[in-house]
Amino acid sequence: MQECLDLLASYRKELKSEILKKYPSVEKFCLANGYNKGTVGRILNGKRRTASLKTLHDLAAALDLKMEIVLKK
């Protein structure tokens, strides 16, 4: 379970970094892409531990990023 939480924390950090590279703020990103800033803020700040894969995929797609999930043995 800890690995999953670490993966989400890493994803949140990278996603926020990419947002701030392309937009002056998370709020501007949300306004430009039609997202609820409260929901996105909770996801990025770790206040919402779960986000659907579709939501994470959609956020990445709005930044022209591809989301990859890799299973390792």
C-alpha atoms as a PDB file:
ATOM      1  CA  MET A   1       0.000   0.000   0.000  1.00  0.00           C
ATOM      2  CA  GLN A   2       2.857   2.376   0.815  1.00  0.00           C
ATOM      3  CA  GLU A   3       4.260   1.936  -2.700  1.00  0.00           C
ATOM      4  CA  CYS A   4       0.914   3.038  -4.116  1.00  0.00           C
ATOM      5  CA  LEU A   5       0.870   6.136  -1.913  1.00  0.00           C
ATOM      6  CA  ASP A   6       4.467   6.938  -2.904  1.00  0.00           C
ATOM      7  CA  LEU A   7       3.528   6.600  -6.572  1.00  0.00           C
ATOM      8  CA  LEU A   8       0.574   8.964  -6.122  1.00  0.00           C
ATOM      9  CA  ALA A   9       2.741  11.469  -4.252  1.00  0.00           C
ATOM     10  CA  SER A  10       5.296  11.384  -7.053  1.00  0.00           C
ATOM     11  CA  TYR A  11       2.569  11.763  -9.666  1.00  0.00           C
ATOM     12  CA  ARG A  12       1.024  14.744  -7.818  1.00  0.00           C
ATOM     13  CA  LYS A  13       4.401  16.470  -7.546  1.00  0.00           C
ATOM     14  CA  GLU A  14       5.194  15.974 -11.241  1.00  0.00           C
ATOM     15  CA  LEU A  15       1.707  17.009 -12.335  1.00  0.00           C
ATOM     16  CA  LYS A  16       1.837  20.218 -10.285  1.00  0.00           C
ATOM     17  CA  SER A  17       5.287  21.003 -11.662  1.00  0.00           C
ATOM     18  CA  GLU A  18       4.047  20.566 -15.241  1.00  0.00           C
ATOM     19  CA  ILE A  19       1.000  22.746 -14.570  1.00  0.00           C
ATOM     20  CA  LEU A  20       3.179  25.550 -13.212  1.00  0.00           C
ATOM     21  CA  LYS A  21       5.543  25.319 -16.209  1.00  0.00           C
ATOM     22  CA  LYS A  22       2.662  26.014 -18.585  1.00  0.00           C
ATOM     23  CA  TYR A  23       0.321  28.197 -16.508  1.00  0.00           C
ATOM     24  CA  PRO A  24       0.939  31.006 -14.007  1.00  0.00           C
ATOM     25  CA  SER A  25      -1.126  29.137 -11.390  1.00  0.00           C
ATOM     26  CA  VAL A  26      -3.154  25.987 -10.781  1.00  0.00           C
ATOM     27  CA  GLU A  27      -6.257  28.182 -10.792  1.00  0.00           C
ATOM     28  CA  LYS A  28      -5.479  29.439 -14.330  1.00  0.00           C
ATOM     29  CA  PHE A  29      -4.961  25.831 -15.466  1.00  0.00           C
ATOM     30  CA  CYS A  30      -8.354  24.877 -14.033  1.00  0.00           C
ATOM     31  CA  LEU A  31     -10.101  27.842 -15.639  1.00  0.00           C
ATOM     32  CA  ALA A  32      -8.500  27.183 -19.034  1.00  0.00           C
ATOM     33  CA  ASN A  33      -9.425  23.495 -18.981  1.00  0.00           C
ATOM     34  CA  GLY A  34     -12.787  23.494 -17.210  1.00  0.00           C
ATOM     35  CA  TYR A  35     -11.720  21.769 -13.991  1.00  0.00           C
ATOM     36  CA  ASN A  36     -12.982  22.487 -10.506  1.00  0.00           C
ATOM     37  CA  LYS A  37     -10.063  24.190  -8.758  1.00  0.00           C
ATOM     38  CA  GLY A  38     -11.027  22.760  -5.366  1.00  0.00           C
ATOM     39  CA  THR A  39     -10.959  19.193  -6.641  1.00  0.00           C
ATOM     40  CA  VAL A  40      -7.675  19.670  -8.499  1.00  0.00           C
ATOM     41  CA  GLY A  41      -6.176  21.435  -5.478  1.00  0.00           C
ATOM     42  CA  ARG A  42      -7.133  18.556  -3.177  1.00  0.00           C
ATOM     43  CA  ILE A  43      -5.636  16.025  -5.593  1.00  0.00           C
ATOM     44  CA  LEU A  44      -2.381  17.979  -5.980  1.00  0.00           C
ATOM     45  CA  ASN A  45      -2.022  18.679  -2.250  1.00  0.00           C
ATOM     46  CA  GLY A  46      -2.689  15.092  -1.203  1.00  0.00           C
ATOM     47  CA  LYS A  47      -5.889  15.945   0.669  1.00  0.00           C
ATOM     48  CA  ARG A  48      -7.720  13.546  -1.586  1.00  0.00           C
ATOM     49  CA  ARG A  49      -5.863  10.254  -1.527  1.00  0.00           C
ATOM     50  CA  THR A  50      -7.820   8.723  -4.343  1.00  0.00           C
ATOM     51  CA  ALA A  51      -8.544  10.076  -7.762  1.00  0.00           C
ATOM     52  CA  SER A  52      -9.941   7.990 -10.554  1.00  0.00           C
ATOM     53  CA  LEU A  53      -7.526   6.938 -13.255  1.00  0.00           C
ATOM     54  CA  LYS A  54      -9.745   8.769 -15.727  1.00  0.00           C
ATOM     55  CA  THR A  55      -9.354  12.029 -13.785  1.00  0.00           C
ATOM     56  CA  LEU A  56      -5.582  11.612 -13.591  1.00  0.00           C
ATOM     57  CA  HIS A  57      -5.474  10.740 -17.296  1.00  0.00           C
ATOM     58  CA  ASP A  58      -7.599  13.785 -18.179  1.00  0.00           C
ATOM     59  CA  LEU A  59      -5.380  16.130 -16.152  1.00  0.00           C
ATOM     60  CA  ALA A  60      -2.272  14.750 -17.868  1.00  0.00           C
ATOM     61  CA  ALA A  61      -3.918  14.995 -21.295  1.00  0.00           C
ATOM     62  CA  ALA A  62      -4.771  18.662 -20.669  1.00  0.00           C
ATOM     63  CA  LEU A  63      -1.014  19.214 -20.344  1.00  0.00           C
ATOM     64  CA  ASP A  64      -0.247  17.174 -23.480  1.00  0.00           C
ATOM     65  CA  LEU A  65       1.276  14.426 -21.331  1.00  0.00           C
ATOM     66  CA  LYS A  66       0.746  10.694 -21.552  1.00  0.00           C
ATOM     67  CA  MET A  67      -0.005   8.749 -18.398  1.00  0.00           C
ATOM     68  CA  GLU A  68       1.628   5.352 -18.084  1.00  0.00           C
ATOM     69  CA  ILE A  69       0.970   2.661 -15.544  1.00  0.00           C
ATOM     70  CA  VAL A  70       3.624  -0.020 -15.416  1.00  0.00           C
ATOM     71  CA  LEU A  71       3.382  -3.289 -13.544  1.00  0.00           C
ATOM     72  CA  LYS A  72       6.716  -4.746 -12.488  1.00  0.00           C
ATOM     73  CA  LYS A  73       7.672  -8.088 -11.139  1.00  0.00           C
END
